Amino acid sequence: MEAFPIIHTNFWDAVIAVPVVVLATQLLKILLHARKAYVPGIANLLGLMISIFIAHPHNLWAGVFMGFFYGNAAVGVYSSIKTQILAYRGGEEKA
């Protein structure tokens, strides 16, 4: 038995799963009127659910690891795009 699971990333991880988590998080944020502080947690929960039940159903540890990857990558992508748009417009984010 290996100490750590071997995790292979693929097309699904980079091109489909992370954007799905971003879109689902934004949809839930609008529908549930979630506060900004809860958005990263929502993204991680969605990432975990997608990873454990869809992407890696036969390997729990790979599912948990990749689930956090999906959630945190989605938060980073959203934050990066928002920062770039605000910088392009010359505006500042309001707290």
PDB file of N, CA and C in Angstrom:
ATOM      1  N   MET A   1       0.829  -1.175   0.000  1.00  0.00           N
ATOM      2  CA  MET A   1       0.000   0.000   0.000  1.00  0.00           C
ATOM      3  C   MET A   1       0.883   1.251   0.000  1.00  0.00           C
ATOM      4  N   GLU A   2       0.491   2.209  -0.795  1.00  0.00           N
ATOM      5  CA  GLU A   2       1.249   3.444  -0.892  1.00  0.00           C
ATOM      6  C   GLU A   2       0.832   4.411   0.216  1.00  0.00           C
ATOM      7  N   ALA A   3       1.754   5.275   0.604  1.00  0.00           N
ATOM      8  CA  ALA A   3       1.458   6.248   1.647  1.00  0.00           C
ATOM      9  C   ALA A   3       0.483   7.314   1.151  1.00  0.00           C
ATOM     10  N   PHE A   4       0.614   7.696  -0.104  1.00  0.00           N
ATOM     11  CA  PHE A   4      -0.252   8.709  -0.672  1.00  0.00           C
ATOM     12  C   PHE A   4      -0.867   8.175  -1.957  1.00  0.00           C
ATOM     13  N   PRO A   5      -2.123   8.530  -2.248  1.00  0.00           N
ATOM     14  CA  PRO A   5      -2.737   8.040  -3.478  1.00  0.00           C
ATOM     15  C   PRO A   5      -2.144   8.736  -4.700  1.00  0.00           C
ATOM     16  N   ILE A   6      -2.095   8.028  -5.791  1.00  0.00           N
ATOM     17  CA  ILE A   6      -1.659   8.615  -7.045  1.00  0.00           C
ATOM     18  C   ILE A   6      -2.878   9.287  -7.673  1.00  0.00           C
ATOM     19  N   ILE A   7      -2.762  10.576  -7.932  1.00  0.00           N
ATOM     20  CA  ILE A   7      -3.874  11.344  -8.478  1.00  0.00           C
ATOM     21  C   ILE A   7      -3.474  11.861  -9.846  1.00  0.00           C
ATOM     22  N   HIS A   8      -4.234  11.488 -10.840  1.00  0.00           N
ATOM     23  CA  HIS A   8      -3.977  11.952 -12.199  1.00  0.00           C
ATOM     24  C   HIS A   8      -4.971  13.052 -12.535  1.00  0.00           C
ATOM     25  N   THR A   9      -4.454  14.234 -12.873  1.00  0.00           N
ATOM     26  CA  THR A   9      -5.347  15.291 -13.329  1.00  0.00           C
ATOM     27  C   THR A   9      -5.570  15.108 -14.822  1.00  0.00           C
ATOM     28  N   ASN A  10      -6.706  15.545 -15.294  1.00  0.00           N
ATOM     29  CA  ASN A  10      -7.027  15.361 -16.695  1.00  0.00           C
ATOM     30  C   ASN A  10      -7.828  16.546 -17.217  1.00  0.00           C
ATOM     31  N   PHE A  11      -8.368  16.412 -18.386  1.00  0.00           N
ATOM     32  CA  PHE A  11      -9.150  17.456 -19.037  1.00  0.00           C
ATOM     33  C   PHE A  11     -10.320  17.884 -18.155  1.00  0.00           C
ATOM     34  N   TRP A  12     -10.969  16.931 -17.522  1.00  0.00           N
ATOM     35  CA  TRP A  12     -12.126  17.204 -16.669  1.00  0.00           C
ATOM     36  C   TRP A  12     -11.761  18.193 -15.569  1.00  0.00           C
ATOM     37  N   ASP A  13     -10.609  17.989 -14.939  1.00  0.00           N
ATOM     38  CA  ASP A  13     -10.214  18.814 -13.805  1.00  0.00           C
ATOM     39  C   ASP A  13     -10.059  20.287 -14.181  1.00  0.00           C
ATOM     40  N   ALA A  14      -9.353  20.546 -15.237  1.00  0.00           N
ATOM     41  CA  ALA A  14      -9.002  21.927 -15.560  1.00  0.00           C
ATOM     42  C   ALA A  14     -10.072  22.673 -16.345  1.00  0.00           C
ATOM     43  N   VAL A  15     -10.746  22.005 -17.233  1.00  0.00           N
ATOM     44  CA  VAL A  15     -11.623  22.712 -18.163  1.00  0.00           C
ATOM     45  C   VAL A  15     -13.099  22.608 -17.811  1.00  0.00           C
ATOM     46  N   ILE A  16     -13.502  21.583 -17.104  1.00  0.00           N
ATOM     47  CA  ILE A  16     -14.930  21.415 -16.832  1.00  0.00           C
ATOM     48  C   ILE A  16     -15.254  21.607 -15.354  1.00  0.00           C
ATOM     49  N   ALA A  17     -14.561  20.941 -14.463  1.00  0.00           N
ATOM     50  CA  ALA A  17     -14.941  20.944 -13.046  1.00  0.00           C
ATOM     51  C   ALA A  17     -14.837  22.327 -12.404  1.00  0.00           C
ATOM     52  N   VAL A  18     -13.749  23.016 -12.616  1.00  0.00           N
ATOM     53  CA  VAL A  18     -13.564  24.321 -11.970  1.00  0.00           C
ATOM     54  C   VAL A  18     -14.593  25.338 -12.474  1.00  0.00           C
ATOM     55  N   PRO A  19     -14.820  25.476 -13.795  1.00  0.00           N
ATOM     56  CA  PRO A  19     -15.884  26.394 -14.228  1.00  0.00           C
ATOM     57  C   PRO A  19     -17.274  25.999 -13.736  1.00  0.00           C
ATOM     58  N   VAL A  20     -17.544  24.700 -13.618  1.00  0.00           N
ATOM     59  CA  VAL A  20     -18.834  24.258 -13.087  1.00  0.00           C
ATOM     60  C   VAL A  20     -18.982  24.715 -11.635  1.00  0.00           C
ATOM     61  N   VAL A  21     -17.923  24.610 -10.858  1.00  0.00           N
ATOM     62  CA  VAL A  21     -17.972  25.061  -9.464  1.00  0.00           C
ATOM     63  C   VAL A  21     -18.155  26.574  -9.409  1.00  0.00           C
ATOM     64  N   VAL A  22     -17.469  27.326 -10.278  1.00  0.00           N
ATOM     65  CA  VAL A  22     -17.633  28.784 -10.302  1.00  0.00           C
ATOM     66  C   VAL A  22     -19.083  29.149 -10.611  1.00  0.00           C
ATOM     67  N   LEU A  23     -19.639  28.553 -11.657  1.00  0.00           N
ATOM     68  CA  LEU A  23     -21.014  28.864 -12.052  1.00  0.00           C
ATOM     69  C   LEU A  23     -22.030  28.449 -10.987  1.00  0.00           C
ATOM     70  N   ALA A  24     -21.856  27.261 -10.429  1.00  0.00           N
ATOM     71  CA  ALA A  24     -22.785  26.788  -9.399  1.00  0.00           C
ATOM     72  C   ALA A  24     -22.697  27.663  -8.145  1.00  0.00           C
ATOM     73  N   THR A  25     -21.493  28.089  -7.788  1.00  0.00           N
ATOM     74  CA  THR A  25     -21.326  28.958  -6.622  1.00  0.00           C
ATOM     75  C   THR A  25     -22.022  30.292  -6.846  1.00  0.00           C
ATOM     76  N   GLN A  26     -21.857  30.862  -8.025  1.00  0.00           N
ATOM     77  CA  GLN A  26     -22.499  32.139  -8.317  1.00  0.00           C
ATOM     78  C   GLN A  26     -24.022  31.997  -8.331  1.00  0.00           C
ATOM     79  N   LEU A  27     -24.489  30.897  -8.869  1.00  0.00           N
ATOM     80  CA  LEU A  27     -25.936  30.649  -8.894  1.00  0.00           C
ATOM     81  C   LEU A  27     -26.491  30.521  -7.473  1.00  0.00           C
ATOM     82  N   LEU A  28     -25.811  29.746  -6.635  1.00  0.00           N
ATOM     83  CA  LEU A  28     -26.253  29.598  -5.249  1.00  0.00           C
ATOM     84  C   LEU A  28     -26.134  30.911  -4.472  1.00  0.00           C
ATOM     85  N   LYS A  29     -25.113  31.693  -4.798  1.00  0.00           N
ATOM     86  CA  LYS A  29     -24.938  32.981  -4.128  1.00  0.00           C
ATOM     87  C   LYS A  29     -26.126  33.901  -4.430  1.00  0.00           C
ATOM     88  N   ILE A  30     -26.596  33.866  -5.662  1.00  0.00           N
ATOM     89  CA  ILE A  30     -27.740  34.695  -6.053  1.00  0.00           C
ATOM     90  C   ILE A  30     -29.035  34.137  -5.468  1.00  0.00           C
ATOM     91  N   LEU A  31     -29.236  32.834  -5.573  1.00  0.00           N
ATOM     92  CA  LEU A  31     -30.490  32.231  -5.114  1.00  0.00           C
ATOM     93  C   LEU A  31     -30.641  32.229  -3.596  1.00  0.00           C
ATOM     94  N   LEU A  32     -29.563  31.984  -2.887  1.00  0.00           N
ATOM     95  CA  LEU A  32     -29.626  31.876  -1.432  1.00  0.00           C
ATOM     96  C   LEU A  32     -29.245  33.168  -0.717  1.00  0.00           C
ATOM     97  N   HIS A  33     -28.850  34.178  -1.470  1.00  0.00           N
ATOM     98  CA  HIS A  33     -28.421  35.460  -0.904  1.00  0.00           C
ATOM     99  C   HIS A  33     -27.348  35.246   0.160  1.00  0.00           C
ATOM    100  N   ALA A  34     -26.345  34.445  -0.194  1.00  0.00           N
ATOM    101  CA  ALA A  34     -25.266  34.120   0.742  1.00  0.00           C
ATOM    102  C   ALA A  34     -24.345  35.316   0.946  1.00  0.00           C
ATOM    103  N   ARG A  35     -23.856  35.463   2.158  1.00  0.00           N
ATOM    104  CA  ARG A  35     -22.898  36.524   2.454  1.00  0.00           C
ATOM    105  C   ARG A  35     -21.554  36.190   1.834  1.00  0.00           C
ATOM    106  N   LYS A  36     -20.752  37.217   1.580  1.00  0.00           N
ATOM    107  CA  LYS A  36     -19.445  37.023   0.934  1.00  0.00           C
ATOM    108  C   LYS A  36     -18.536  36.088   1.735  1.00  0.00           C
ATOM    109  N   ALA A  37     -18.673  36.109   3.034  1.00  0.00           N
ATOM    110  CA  ALA A  37     -17.811  35.271   3.876  1.00  0.00           C
ATOM    111  C   ALA A  37     -18.068  33.779   3.671  1.00  0.00           C
ATOM    112  N   TYR A  38     -19.263  33.412   3.223  1.00  0.00           N
ATOM    113  CA  TYR A  38     -19.610  32.004   3.053  1.00  0.00           C
ATOM    114  C   TYR A  38     -19.290  31.456   1.666  1.00  0.00           C
ATOM    115  N   VAL A  39     -18.973  32.311   0.716  1.00  0.00           N
ATOM    116  CA  VAL A  39     -18.782  31.882  -0.665  1.00  0.00           C
ATOM    117  C   VAL A  39     -17.627  30.885  -0.814  1.00  0.00           C
ATOM    118  N   PRO A  40     -16.440  31.110  -0.230  1.00  0.00           N
ATOM    119  CA  PRO A  40     -15.381  30.100  -0.357  1.00  0.00           C
ATOM    120  C   PRO A  40     -15.775  28.732   0.222  1.00  0.00           C
ATOM    121  N   GLY A  41     -16.505  28.731   1.323  1.00  0.00           N
ATOM    122  CA  GLY A  41     -16.968  27.468   1.909  1.00  0.00           C
ATOM    123  C   GLY A  41     -17.959  26.758   1.005  1.00  0.00           C
ATOM    124  N   ILE A  42     -18.852  27.531   0.396  1.00  0.00           N
ATOM    125  CA  ILE A  42     -19.808  26.951  -0.559  1.00  0.00           C
ATOM    126  C   ILE A  42     -19.072  26.354  -1.737  1.00  0.00           C
ATOM    127  N   ALA A  43     -18.067  27.078  -2.248  1.00  0.00           N
ATOM    128  CA  ALA A  43     -17.280  26.569  -3.386  1.00  0.00           C
ATOM    129  C   ALA A  43     -16.560  25.278  -3.012  1.00  0.00           C
ATOM    130  N   ASN A  44     -16.008  25.219  -1.806  1.00  0.00           N
ATOM    131  CA  ASN A  44     -15.326  23.988  -1.380  1.00  0.00           C
ATOM    132  C   ASN A  44     -16.294  22.825  -1.237  1.00  0.00           C
ATOM    133  N   LEU A  45     -17.472  23.076  -0.675  1.00  0.00           N
ATOM    134  CA  LEU A  45     -18.471  22.005  -0.561  1.00  0.00           C
ATOM    135  C   LEU A  45     -18.903  21.495  -1.938  1.00  0.00           C
ATOM    136  N   LEU A  46     -19.125  22.405  -2.866  1.00  0.00           N
ATOM    137  CA  LEU A  46     -19.493  21.990  -4.224  1.00  0.00           C
ATOM    138  C   LEU A  46     -18.357  21.210  -4.880  1.00  0.00           C
ATOM    139  N   GLY A  47     -17.129  21.701  -4.704  1.00  0.00           N
ATOM    140  CA  GLY A  47     -15.972  20.996  -5.254  1.00  0.00           C
ATOM    141  C   GLY A  47     -15.829  19.601  -4.687  1.00  0.00           C
ATOM    142  N   LEU A  48     -16.038  19.468  -3.377  1.00  0.00           N
ATOM    143  CA  LEU A  48     -15.968  18.153  -2.735  1.00  0.00           C
ATOM    144  C   LEU A  48     -17.056  17.217  -3.249  1.00  0.00           C
ATOM    145  N   MET A  49     -18.279  17.731  -3.367  1.00  0.00           N
ATOM    146  CA  MET A  49     -19.373  16.880  -3.843  1.00  0.00           C
ATOM    147  C   MET A  49     -19.118  16.407  -5.274  1.00  0.00           C
ATOM    148  N   ILE A  50     -18.699  17.318  -6.146  1.00  0.00           N
ATOM    149  CA  ILE A  50     -18.430  16.942  -7.539  1.00  0.00           C
ATOM    150  C   ILE A  50     -17.284  15.954  -7.608  1.00  0.00           C
ATOM    151  N   SER A  51     -16.224  16.217  -6.864  1.00  0.00           N
ATOM    152  CA  SER A  51     -15.051  15.358  -6.932  1.00  0.00           C
ATOM    153  C   SER A  51     -15.293  13.972  -6.345  1.00  0.00           C
ATOM    154  N   ILE A  52     -15.903  13.912  -5.168  1.00  0.00           N
ATOM    155  CA  ILE A  52     -16.096  12.621  -4.503  1.00  0.00           C
ATOM    156  C   ILE A  52     -17.126  11.757  -5.215  1.00  0.00           C
ATOM    157  N   PHE A  53     -18.232  12.374  -5.657  1.00  0.00           N
ATOM    158  CA  PHE A  53     -19.318  11.588  -6.231  1.00  0.00           C
ATOM    159  C   PHE A  53     -19.279  11.436  -7.748  1.00  0.00           C
ATOM    160  N   ILE A  54     -18.583  12.325  -8.458  1.00  0.00           N
ATOM    161  CA  ILE A  54     -18.572  12.252  -9.921  1.00  0.00           C
ATOM    162  C   ILE A  54     -17.181  11.963 -10.478  1.00  0.00           C
ATOM    163  N   ALA A  55     -16.193  12.794 -10.106  1.00  0.00           N
ATOM    164  CA  ALA A  55     -14.874  12.684 -10.729  1.00  0.00           C
ATOM    165  C   ALA A  55     -14.041  11.518 -10.192  1.00  0.00           C
ATOM    166  N   HIS A  56     -14.087  11.286  -8.889  1.00  0.00           N
ATOM    167  CA  HIS A  56     -13.263  10.240  -8.270  1.00  0.00           C
ATOM    168  C   HIS A  56     -14.104   9.375  -7.322  1.00  0.00           C
ATOM    169  N   PRO A  57     -15.113   8.691  -7.825  1.00  0.00           N
ATOM    170  CA  PRO A  57     -16.011   7.948  -6.932  1.00  0.00           C
ATOM    171  C   PRO A  57     -15.388   6.711  -6.280  1.00  0.00           C
ATOM    172  N   HIS A  58     -14.285   6.216  -6.821  1.00  0.00           N
ATOM    173  CA  HIS A  58     -13.709   4.968  -6.295  1.00  0.00           C
ATOM    174  C   HIS A  58     -12.484   5.192  -5.415  1.00  0.00           C
ATOM    175  N   ASN A  59     -12.118   6.458  -5.201  1.00  0.00           N
ATOM    176  CA  ASN A  59     -10.947   6.755  -4.389  1.00  0.00           C
ATOM    177  C   ASN A  59     -11.275   7.971  -3.511  1.00  0.00           C
ATOM    178  N   LEU A  60     -11.623   7.723  -2.262  1.00  0.00           N
ATOM    179  CA  LEU A  60     -12.068   8.792  -1.369  1.00  0.00           C
ATOM    180  C   LEU A  60     -10.997   9.858  -1.174  1.00  0.00           C
ATOM    181  N   TRP A  61      -9.754   9.451  -0.946  1.00  0.00           N
ATOM    182  CA  TRP A  61      -8.702  10.433  -0.675  1.00  0.00           C
ATOM    183  C   TRP A  61      -8.412  11.290  -1.895  1.00  0.00           C
ATOM    184  N   ALA A  62      -8.431  10.707  -3.055  1.00  0.00           N
ATOM    185  CA  ALA A  62      -8.256  11.496  -4.280  1.00  0.00           C
ATOM    186  C   ALA A  62      -9.437  12.450  -4.443  1.00  0.00           C
ATOM    187  N   GLY A  63     -10.641  11.988  -4.123  1.00  0.00           N
ATOM    188  CA  GLY A  63     -11.823  12.833  -4.206  1.00  0.00           C
ATOM    189  C   GLY A  63     -11.755  14.010  -3.258  1.00  0.00           C
ATOM    190  N   VAL A  64     -11.294  13.771  -2.040  1.00  0.00           N
ATOM    191  CA  VAL A  64     -11.180  14.859  -1.062  1.00  0.00           C
ATOM    192  C   VAL A  64     -10.121  15.865  -1.510  1.00  0.00           C
ATOM    193  N   PHE A  65      -8.958  15.369  -1.913  1.00  0.00           N
ATOM    194  CA  PHE A  65      -7.880  16.258  -2.352  1.00  0.00           C
ATOM    195  C   PHE A  65      -8.312  17.093  -3.551  1.00  0.00           C
ATOM    196  N   MET A  66      -8.848  16.447  -4.562  1.00  0.00           N
ATOM    197  CA  MET A  66      -9.241  17.156  -5.769  1.00  0.00           C
ATOM    198  C   MET A  66     -10.458  18.038  -5.528  1.00  0.00           C
ATOM    199  N   GLY A  67     -11.318  17.672  -4.597  1.00  0.00           N
ATOM    200  CA  GLY A  67     -12.468  18.505  -4.255  1.00  0.00           C
ATOM    201  C   GLY A  67     -12.039  19.851  -3.703  1.00  0.00           C
ATOM    202  N   PHE A  68     -11.058  19.829  -2.804  1.00  0.00           N
ATOM    203  CA  PHE A  68     -10.536  21.100  -2.301  1.00  0.00           C
ATOM    204  C   PHE A  68      -9.824  21.867  -3.410  1.00  0.00           C
ATOM    205  N   PHE A  69      -9.173  21.145  -4.300  1.00  0.00           N
ATOM    206  CA  PHE A  69      -8.553  21.795  -5.457  1.00  0.00           C
ATOM    207  C   PHE A  69      -9.606  22.492  -6.307  1.00  0.00           C
ATOM    208  N   TYR A  70     -10.699  21.814  -6.612  1.00  0.00           N
ATOM    209  CA  TYR A  70     -11.758  22.418  -7.419  1.00  0.00           C
ATOM    210  C   TYR A  70     -12.317  23.666  -6.741  1.00  0.00           C
ATOM    211  N   GLY A  71     -12.631  23.566  -5.467  1.00  0.00           N
ATOM    212  CA  GLY A  71     -13.223  24.689  -4.751  1.00  0.00           C
ATOM    213  C   GLY A  71     -12.295  25.886  -4.660  1.00  0.00           C
ATOM    214  N   ASN A  72     -11.058  25.642  -4.281  1.00  0.00           N
ATOM    215  CA  ASN A  72     -10.112  26.748  -4.142  1.00  0.00           C
ATOM    216  C   ASN A  72      -9.710  27.327  -5.492  1.00  0.00           C
ATOM    217  N   ALA A  73      -9.600  26.499  -6.508  1.00  0.00           N
ATOM    218  CA  ALA A  73      -9.308  27.004  -7.853  1.00  0.00           C
ATOM    219  C   ALA A  73     -10.456  27.866  -8.356  1.00  0.00           C
ATOM    220  N   ALA A  74     -11.688  27.470  -8.078  1.00  0.00           N
ATOM    221  CA  ALA A  74     -12.850  28.261  -8.504  1.00  0.00           C
ATOM    222  C   ALA A  74     -12.859  29.626  -7.833  1.00  0.00           C
ATOM    223  N   VAL A  75     -12.558  29.673  -6.541  1.00  0.00           N
ATOM    224  CA  VAL A  75     -12.508  30.949  -5.825  1.00  0.00           C
ATOM    225  C   VAL A  75     -11.393  31.825  -6.401  1.00  0.00           C
ATOM    226  N   GLY A  76     -10.259  31.241  -6.693  1.00  0.00           N
ATOM    227  CA  GLY A  76      -9.143  31.998  -7.265  1.00  0.00           C
ATOM    228  C   GLY A  76      -9.447  32.528  -8.654  1.00  0.00           C
ATOM    229  N   VAL A  77     -10.083  31.708  -9.482  1.00  0.00           N
ATOM    230  CA  VAL A  77     -10.450  32.150 -10.829  1.00  0.00           C
ATOM    231  C   VAL A  77     -11.423  33.319 -10.755  1.00  0.00           C
ATOM    232  N   TYR A  78     -12.446  33.198  -9.928  1.00  0.00           N
ATOM    233  CA  TYR A  78     -13.438  34.266  -9.797  1.00  0.00           C
ATOM    234  C   TYR A  78     -12.780  35.554  -9.293  1.00  0.00           C
ATOM    235  N   SER A  79     -11.947  35.448  -8.274  1.00  0.00           N
ATOM    236  CA  SER A  79     -11.281  36.614  -7.711  1.00  0.00           C
ATOM    237  C   SER A  79     -10.363  37.277  -8.732  1.00  0.00           C
ATOM    238  N   SER A  80      -9.641  36.474  -9.483  1.00  0.00           N
ATOM    239  CA  SER A  80      -8.735  37.001 -10.502  1.00  0.00           C
ATOM    240  C   SER A  80      -9.491  37.739 -11.600  1.00  0.00           C
ATOM    241  N   ILE A  81     -10.566  37.147 -12.085  1.00  0.00           N
ATOM    242  CA  ILE A  81     -11.354  37.788 -13.139  1.00  0.00           C
ATOM    243  C   ILE A  81     -11.969  39.092 -12.620  1.00  0.00           C
ATOM    244  N   LYS A  82     -12.487  39.068 -11.407  1.00  0.00           N
ATOM    245  CA  LYS A  82     -13.095  40.272 -10.825  1.00  0.00           C
ATOM    246  C   LYS A  82     -12.057  41.379 -10.670  1.00  0.00           C
ATOM    247  N   THR A  83     -10.869  41.045 -10.200  1.00  0.00           N
ATOM    248  CA  THR A  83      -9.800  42.029 -10.036  1.00  0.00           C
ATOM    249  C   THR A  83      -9.376  42.608 -11.378  1.00  0.00           C
ATOM    250  N   GLN A  84      -9.263  41.757 -12.398  1.00  0.00           N
ATOM    251  CA  GLN A  84      -8.875  42.233 -13.721  1.00  0.00           C
ATOM    252  C   GLN A  84      -9.922  43.172 -14.312  1.00  0.00           C
ATOM    253  N   ILE A  85     -11.184  42.843 -14.156  1.00  0.00           N
ATOM    254  CA  ILE A  85     -12.258  43.695 -14.680  1.00  0.00           C
ATOM    255  C   ILE A  85     -12.262  45.041 -13.966  1.00  0.00           C
ATOM    256  N   LEU A  86     -12.128  45.019 -12.639  1.00  0.00           N
ATOM    257  CA  LEU A  86     -12.094  46.274 -11.883  1.00  0.00           C
ATOM    258  C   LEU A  86     -10.885  47.127 -12.267  1.00  0.00           C
ATOM    259  N   ALA A  87      -9.739  46.502 -12.478  1.00  0.00           N
ATOM    260  CA  ALA A  87      -8.543  47.247 -12.869  1.00  0.00           C
ATOM    261  C   ALA A  87      -8.716  47.840 -14.270  1.00  0.00           C
ATOM    262  N   TYR A  88      -9.318  47.099 -15.170  1.00  0.00           N
ATOM    263  CA  TYR A  88      -9.549  47.581 -16.527  1.00  0.00           C
ATOM    264  C   TYR A  88     -10.510  48.776 -16.529  1.00  0.00           C
ATOM    265  N   ARG A  89     -11.532  48.709 -15.717  1.00  0.00           N
ATOM    266  CA  ARG A  89     -12.499  49.806 -15.625  1.00  0.00           C
ATOM    267  C   ARG A  89     -11.972  50.996 -14.841  1.00  0.00           C
ATOM    268  N   GLY A  90     -10.896  50.794 -14.104  1.00  0.00           N
ATOM    269  CA  GLY A  90     -10.321  51.880 -13.316  1.00  0.00           C
ATOM    270  C   GLY A  90     -11.029  52.124 -12.011  1.00  0.00           C
ATOM    271  N   GLY A  91     -11.868  51.201 -11.608  1.00  0.00           N
ATOM    272  CA  GLY A  91     -12.620  51.354 -10.361  1.00  0.00           C
ATOM    273  C   GLY A  91     -11.994  50.554  -9.248  1.00  0.00           C
ATOM    274  N   GLU A  92     -12.527  50.754  -8.071  1.00  0.00           N
ATOM    275  CA  GLU A  92     -12.080  49.999  -6.911  1.00  0.00           C
ATOM    276  C   GLU A  92     -13.221  49.192  -6.344  1.00  0.00           C
ATOM    277  N   GLU A  93     -12.892  48.084  -5.747  1.00  0.00           N
ATOM    278  CA  GLU A  93     -13.907  47.240  -5.114  1.00  0.00           C
ATOM    279  C   GLU A  93     -14.402  47.918  -3.851  1.00  0.00           C
ATOM    280  N   LYS A  94     -15.719  47.883  -3.669  1.00  0.00           N
ATOM    281  CA  LYS A  94     -16.316  48.459  -2.467  1.00  0.00           C
ATOM    282  C   LYS A  94     -16.516  47.356  -1.435  1.00  0.00           C
ATOM    283  N   ALA A  95     -16.094  47.609  -0.224  1.00  0.00           N
ATOM    284  CA  ALA A  95     -16.191  46.607   0.832  1.00  0.00           C
ATOM    285  C   ALA A  95     -17.564  46.477   1.297  1.00  0.00           C
TER     286      ALA A  95
END
